[in-house]
Amino acid sequence: MGSVTDLIERRYRSQRKYYYFFRINDEVVIDATMKGNIARLINHSCMPNCFAKIMSLREDEDQIILIAKKDVSAEDELIFDYRFEVDQNDELKVPCLCGAPNCRKFMN
């Protein structure tokens, strides 16, 4: 993440606030912590039924869409793999509680 994103992340951590970042590319990160649509609350799973895809709408405009990997019924929770960067520092590891048979135990 870029230096601005790092500063914002540290501020959120110091405030013990949950934050919602989605990396579009090396230069663009969406921060949906304070404002965004309901998709920011979609949970992680190591065995997801959806995946996120970045679609270019115009030359300077990208959009994130979720695509179902299989048929999803109305009662099913939409879940996708957050695909966080692996963090070697054990203190910064985020436990994964998805319960999938192939769970990696950590999201990062």
N, C-alpha and C. Protein backbone atom coordinates (compact mmCIF):
# COMPACT_ATOMS: atom_id res chain seq x y z
N MET A 1 0.84 -1.17 0.00
CA MET A 1 0.00 0.00 0.00
C MET A 1 0.88 1.23 0.00
N GLY A 2 0.32 2.32 -0.47
CA GLY A 2 1.07 3.56 -0.52
C GLY A 2 1.19 4.20 0.84
N SER A 3 1.99 5.24 0.94
CA SER A 3 2.26 5.86 2.22
C SER A 3 1.01 6.50 2.84
N VAL A 4 0.13 7.08 2.03
CA VAL A 4 -1.10 7.67 2.57
C VAL A 4 -1.97 6.58 3.17
N THR A 5 -2.10 5.47 2.46
CA THR A 5 -2.90 4.36 2.96
C THR A 5 -2.31 3.81 4.25
N ASP A 6 -0.99 3.71 4.33
CA ASP A 6 -0.34 3.24 5.56
C ASP A 6 -0.67 4.15 6.73
N LEU A 7 -0.63 5.47 6.52
CA LEU A 7 -0.95 6.42 7.58
C LEU A 7 -2.40 6.27 8.05
N ILE A 8 -3.31 6.13 7.10
CA ILE A 8 -4.72 5.97 7.44
C ILE A 8 -4.93 4.67 8.21
N GLU A 9 -4.28 3.61 7.75
CA GLU A 9 -4.42 2.32 8.44
C GLU A 9 -3.92 2.41 9.88
N ARG A 10 -2.77 3.05 10.09
CA ARG A 10 -2.24 3.21 11.45
C ARG A 10 -3.21 4.02 12.32
N ARG A 11 -3.81 5.05 11.74
CA ARG A 11 -4.77 5.87 12.51
C ARG A 11 -5.98 5.02 12.91
N TYR A 12 -6.52 4.25 11.98
CA TYR A 12 -7.66 3.39 12.30
C TYR A 12 -7.28 2.38 13.39
N ARG A 13 -6.10 1.78 13.27
CA ARG A 13 -5.67 0.80 14.28
C ARG A 13 -5.55 1.45 15.65
N SER A 14 -4.99 2.68 15.70
CA SER A 14 -4.83 3.35 16.99
C SER A 14 -6.19 3.69 17.60
N GLN A 15 -7.20 3.86 16.75
CA GLN A 15 -8.57 4.14 17.21
C GLN A 15 -9.35 2.84 17.44
N ARG A 16 -8.68 1.70 17.22
CA ARG A 16 -9.32 0.38 17.34
C ARG A 16 -10.57 0.28 16.47
N LYS A 17 -10.46 0.85 15.28
CA LYS A 17 -11.57 0.88 14.34
C LYS A 17 -11.35 -0.17 13.26
N TYR A 18 -12.42 -0.88 12.91
CA TYR A 18 -12.35 -1.79 11.78
C TYR A 18 -12.28 -0.95 10.52
N TYR A 19 -11.49 -1.40 9.58
CA TYR A 19 -11.38 -0.63 8.34
C TYR A 19 -11.56 -1.55 7.14
N TYR A 20 -11.98 -0.95 6.03
CA TYR A 20 -12.33 -1.69 4.83
C TYR A 20 -11.60 -1.08 3.64
N PHE A 21 -10.47 -1.67 3.27
CA PHE A 21 -9.69 -1.21 2.12
C PHE A 21 -9.82 -2.25 1.01
N PHE A 22 -9.86 -1.77 -0.22
CA PHE A 22 -9.85 -2.66 -1.38
C PHE A 22 -8.87 -2.08 -2.37
N ARG A 23 -7.82 -2.84 -2.68
CA ARG A 23 -6.79 -2.37 -3.59
C ARG A 23 -7.24 -2.59 -5.04
N ILE A 24 -7.25 -1.50 -5.79
CA ILE A 24 -7.57 -1.56 -7.21
C ILE A 24 -6.28 -1.88 -8.00
N ASN A 25 -5.21 -1.19 -7.65
CA ASN A 25 -3.90 -1.42 -8.27
C ASN A 25 -2.84 -0.86 -7.32
N ASP A 26 -1.60 -0.77 -7.77
CA ASP A 26 -0.52 -0.30 -6.90
C ASP A 26 -0.71 1.14 -6.45
N GLU A 27 -1.50 1.91 -7.17
CA GLU A 27 -1.66 3.32 -6.86
C GLU A 27 -3.01 3.69 -6.27
N VAL A 28 -4.01 2.84 -6.45
CA VAL A 28 -5.37 3.19 -6.03
C VAL A 28 -5.89 2.17 -5.02
N VAL A 29 -6.31 2.67 -3.86
CA VAL A 29 -6.92 1.86 -2.81
C VAL A 29 -8.22 2.54 -2.40
N ILE A 30 -9.30 1.79 -2.40
CA ILE A 30 -10.59 2.33 -1.97
C ILE A 30 -10.71 2.13 -0.47
N ASP A 31 -11.02 3.21 0.24
CA ASP A 31 -11.25 3.16 1.67
C ASP A 31 -12.75 3.30 1.90
N ALA A 32 -13.40 2.19 2.23
CA ALA A 32 -14.85 2.19 2.45
C ALA A 32 -15.17 2.16 3.94
N THR A 33 -14.23 2.58 4.77
CA THR A 33 -14.42 2.52 6.21
C THR A 33 -15.55 3.44 6.67
N MET A 34 -15.54 4.66 6.23
CA MET A 34 -16.50 5.64 6.69
C MET A 34 -17.71 5.76 5.77
N LYS A 35 -17.54 5.35 4.54
CA LYS A 35 -18.60 5.54 3.56
C LYS A 35 -18.45 4.51 2.47
N GLY A 36 -19.53 3.93 2.07
CA GLY A 36 -19.49 2.93 1.02
C GLY A 36 -20.82 2.21 0.96
N ASN A 37 -20.92 1.24 0.09
CA ASN A 37 -22.18 0.51 0.01
C ASN A 37 -22.12 -0.75 0.87
N ILE A 38 -23.19 -1.49 0.87
CA ILE A 38 -23.33 -2.66 1.75
C ILE A 38 -22.29 -3.75 1.43
N ALA A 39 -21.73 -3.73 0.24
CA ALA A 39 -20.74 -4.74 -0.16
C ALA A 39 -19.51 -4.71 0.74
N ARG A 40 -19.25 -3.62 1.41
CA ARG A 40 -18.08 -3.54 2.29
C ARG A 40 -18.20 -4.49 3.48
N LEU A 41 -19.40 -5.01 3.71
CA LEU A 41 -19.62 -5.91 4.84
C LEU A 41 -19.66 -7.38 4.43
N ILE A 42 -19.35 -7.69 3.18
CA ILE A 42 -19.31 -9.08 2.74
C ILE A 42 -18.12 -9.77 3.41
N ASN A 43 -18.37 -10.92 3.97
CA ASN A 43 -17.36 -11.64 4.74
C ASN A 43 -16.35 -12.38 3.87
N HIS A 44 -15.23 -12.69 4.50
CA HIS A 44 -14.15 -13.47 3.89
C HIS A 44 -14.40 -14.96 4.11
N SER A 45 -13.94 -15.76 3.17
CA SER A 45 -13.87 -17.21 3.35
C SER A 45 -12.71 -17.74 2.53
N CYS A 46 -12.05 -18.75 3.06
CA CYS A 46 -10.99 -19.44 2.31
C CYS A 46 -11.60 -20.34 1.23
N MET A 47 -12.92 -20.56 1.29
CA MET A 47 -13.63 -21.34 0.28
C MET A 47 -14.85 -20.51 -0.17
N PRO A 48 -14.59 -19.44 -0.94
CA PRO A 48 -15.65 -18.49 -1.29
C PRO A 48 -16.60 -18.99 -2.37
N ASN A 49 -17.78 -18.36 -2.40
CA ASN A 49 -18.72 -18.65 -3.48
C ASN A 49 -18.75 -17.52 -4.52
N CYS A 50 -17.96 -16.47 -4.28
CA CYS A 50 -17.85 -15.34 -5.20
C CYS A 50 -16.39 -14.93 -5.32
N PHE A 51 -16.10 -14.13 -6.34
CA PHE A 51 -14.79 -13.51 -6.43
C PHE A 51 -14.97 -12.08 -6.89
N ALA A 52 -14.04 -11.23 -6.50
CA ALA A 52 -14.09 -9.82 -6.87
C ALA A 52 -13.29 -9.63 -8.15
N LYS A 53 -13.81 -8.78 -9.00
CA LYS A 53 -13.13 -8.46 -10.25
C LYS A 53 -13.17 -6.96 -10.44
N ILE A 54 -12.09 -6.41 -10.93
CA ILE A 54 -12.02 -4.98 -11.20
C ILE A 54 -12.29 -4.78 -12.69
N MET A 55 -13.32 -4.00 -12.98
CA MET A 55 -13.72 -3.73 -14.36
C MET A 55 -13.42 -2.27 -14.70
N SER A 56 -12.79 -2.06 -15.82
CA SER A 56 -12.54 -0.69 -16.29
C SER A 56 -13.76 -0.21 -17.04
N LEU A 57 -14.35 0.88 -16.57
CA LEU A 57 -15.52 1.45 -17.23
C LEU A 57 -15.10 2.47 -18.28
N ARG A 58 -14.20 3.33 -17.89
CA ARG A 58 -13.64 4.34 -18.78
C ARG A 58 -12.15 4.36 -18.54
N GLU A 59 -11.47 5.20 -19.24
CA GLU A 59 -10.00 5.26 -19.14
C GLU A 59 -9.53 5.50 -17.71
N ASP A 60 -10.27 6.30 -16.96
CA ASP A 60 -9.84 6.65 -15.59
C ASP A 60 -10.84 6.23 -14.53
N GLU A 61 -11.68 5.25 -14.84
CA GLU A 61 -12.69 4.84 -13.87
C GLU A 61 -12.80 3.32 -13.82
N ASP A 62 -12.53 2.77 -12.64
CA ASP A 62 -12.65 1.34 -12.41
C ASP A 62 -13.78 1.08 -11.42
N GLN A 63 -14.35 -0.11 -11.50
CA GLN A 63 -15.42 -0.50 -10.59
C GLN A 63 -15.16 -1.93 -10.14
N ILE A 64 -15.49 -2.22 -8.89
CA ILE A 64 -15.35 -3.57 -8.36
C ILE A 64 -16.70 -4.27 -8.49
N ILE A 65 -16.67 -5.47 -9.05
CA ILE A 65 -17.89 -6.26 -9.14
C ILE A 65 -17.64 -7.61 -8.48
N LEU A 66 -18.68 -8.22 -7.97
CA LEU A 66 -18.59 -9.57 -7.42
C LEU A 66 -19.26 -10.51 -8.40
N ILE A 67 -18.60 -11.62 -8.67
CA ILE A 67 -19.12 -12.63 -9.59
C ILE A 67 -19.25 -13.94 -8.84
N ALA A 68 -20.40 -14.56 -8.94
CA ALA A 68 -20.63 -15.84 -8.28
C ALA A 68 -19.84 -16.93 -8.99
N LYS A 69 -19.19 -17.78 -8.22
CA LYS A 69 -18.43 -18.90 -8.78
C LYS A 69 -19.33 -20.08 -9.11
N LYS A 70 -20.52 -20.08 -8.51
CA LYS A 70 -21.50 -21.14 -8.72
C LYS A 70 -22.87 -20.54 -8.44
N ASP A 71 -23.91 -21.28 -8.67
CA ASP A 71 -25.24 -20.79 -8.36
C ASP A 71 -25.35 -20.49 -6.87
N VAL A 72 -25.90 -19.34 -6.55
CA VAL A 72 -26.06 -18.92 -5.15
C VAL A 72 -27.55 -18.71 -4.92
N SER A 73 -28.09 -19.39 -3.93
CA SER A 73 -29.52 -19.24 -3.64
C SER A 73 -29.73 -18.00 -2.77
N ALA A 74 -30.98 -17.59 -2.67
CA ALA A 74 -31.33 -16.38 -1.93
C ALA A 74 -30.92 -16.45 -0.46
N GLU A 75 -30.85 -17.65 0.12
CA GLU A 75 -30.50 -17.78 1.54
C GLU A 75 -28.99 -17.82 1.79
N ASP A 76 -28.20 -18.02 0.74
CA ASP A 76 -26.75 -18.16 0.89
C ASP A 76 -26.08 -16.82 1.16
N GLU A 77 -25.12 -16.85 2.06
CA GLU A 77 -24.31 -15.66 2.31
C GLU A 77 -23.30 -15.52 1.18
N LEU A 78 -23.12 -14.31 0.67
CA LEU A 78 -22.08 -14.06 -0.32
C LEU A 78 -20.76 -13.91 0.42
N ILE A 79 -19.75 -14.65 -0.01
CA ILE A 79 -18.44 -14.61 0.64
C ILE A 79 -17.37 -14.65 -0.44
N PHE A 80 -16.26 -13.95 -0.19
CA PHE A 80 -15.13 -14.00 -1.12
C PHE A 80 -13.83 -13.99 -0.34
N ASP A 81 -12.78 -14.39 -1.01
CA ASP A 81 -11.44 -14.43 -0.39
C ASP A 81 -10.85 -13.03 -0.48
N TYR A 82 -10.58 -12.43 0.66
CA TYR A 82 -10.04 -11.07 0.69
C TYR A 82 -8.65 -10.99 0.05
N ARG A 83 -7.94 -12.11 0.05
CA ARG A 83 -6.61 -12.18 -0.56
C ARG A 83 -5.67 -11.09 -0.03
N PHE A 84 -5.63 -10.96 1.28
CA PHE A 84 -4.70 -10.02 1.91
C PHE A 84 -3.27 -10.43 1.62
N GLU A 85 -2.38 -9.45 1.60
CA GLU A 85 -0.96 -9.74 1.46
C GLU A 85 -0.51 -10.51 2.70
N VAL A 86 0.35 -11.48 2.50
CA VAL A 86 0.86 -12.29 3.62
C VAL A 86 1.75 -11.41 4.49
N ASP A 87 1.50 -11.44 5.79
CA ASP A 87 2.28 -10.67 6.75
C ASP A 87 3.08 -11.65 7.59
N GLN A 88 4.39 -11.48 7.60
CA GLN A 88 5.26 -12.38 8.36
C GLN A 88 5.28 -12.07 9.85
N ASN A 89 4.86 -10.88 10.23
CA ASN A 89 4.85 -10.47 11.63
C ASN A 89 3.64 -11.10 12.32
N ASP A 90 3.88 -12.03 13.23
CA ASP A 90 2.80 -12.75 13.91
C ASP A 90 1.84 -11.82 14.66
N GLU A 91 2.36 -10.69 15.17
CA GLU A 91 1.52 -9.77 15.92
C GLU A 91 0.48 -9.09 15.03
N LEU A 92 0.74 -9.02 13.72
CA LEU A 92 -0.17 -8.37 12.79
C LEU A 92 -1.08 -9.35 12.06
N LYS A 93 -0.91 -10.65 12.36
CA LYS A 93 -1.73 -11.66 11.70
C LYS A 93 -3.20 -11.48 12.10
N VAL A 94 -4.07 -11.59 11.10
CA VAL A 94 -5.51 -11.48 11.34
C VAL A 94 -6.09 -12.89 11.30
N PRO A 95 -6.59 -13.39 12.43
CA PRO A 95 -7.12 -14.76 12.45
C PRO A 95 -8.29 -14.91 11.48
N CYS A 96 -8.34 -16.05 10.84
CA CYS A 96 -9.46 -16.38 9.96
C CYS A 96 -10.36 -17.34 10.72
N LEU A 97 -11.62 -17.02 10.77
CA LEU A 97 -12.59 -17.84 11.49
C LEU A 97 -13.67 -18.37 10.55
N CYS A 98 -13.31 -18.52 9.27
CA CYS A 98 -14.33 -18.89 8.28
C CYS A 98 -14.85 -20.31 8.46
N GLY A 99 -14.05 -21.19 9.03
CA GLY A 99 -14.50 -22.56 9.27
C GLY A 99 -14.46 -23.48 8.06
N ALA A 100 -13.94 -22.99 6.94
CA ALA A 100 -13.85 -23.83 5.74
C ALA A 100 -12.85 -24.96 5.96
N PRO A 101 -13.06 -26.12 5.32
CA PRO A 101 -12.13 -27.24 5.49
C PRO A 101 -10.70 -26.89 5.07
N ASN A 102 -10.55 -25.97 4.14
CA ASN A 102 -9.22 -25.57 3.66
C ASN A 102 -8.75 -24.25 4.28
N CYS A 103 -9.31 -23.89 5.42
CA CYS A 103 -8.99 -22.59 6.06
C CYS A 103 -7.49 -22.44 6.28
N ARG A 104 -6.96 -21.25 5.93
CA ARG A 104 -5.54 -20.95 6.07
C ARG A 104 -5.19 -20.49 7.49
N LYS A 105 -6.19 -20.34 8.35
CA LYS A 105 -6.05 -19.93 9.76
C LYS A 105 -5.80 -18.43 9.93
N PHE A 106 -5.28 -17.77 8.91
CA PHE A 106 -5.05 -16.32 8.94
C PHE A 106 -5.48 -15.74 7.60
N MET A 107 -5.98 -14.50 7.66
CA MET A 107 -6.38 -13.84 6.41
C MET A 107 -5.18 -13.17 5.74
N ASN A 108 -4.10 -12.99 6.49
CA ASN A 108 -2.91 -12.37 5.89
C ASN A 108 -1.68 -13.20 6.16
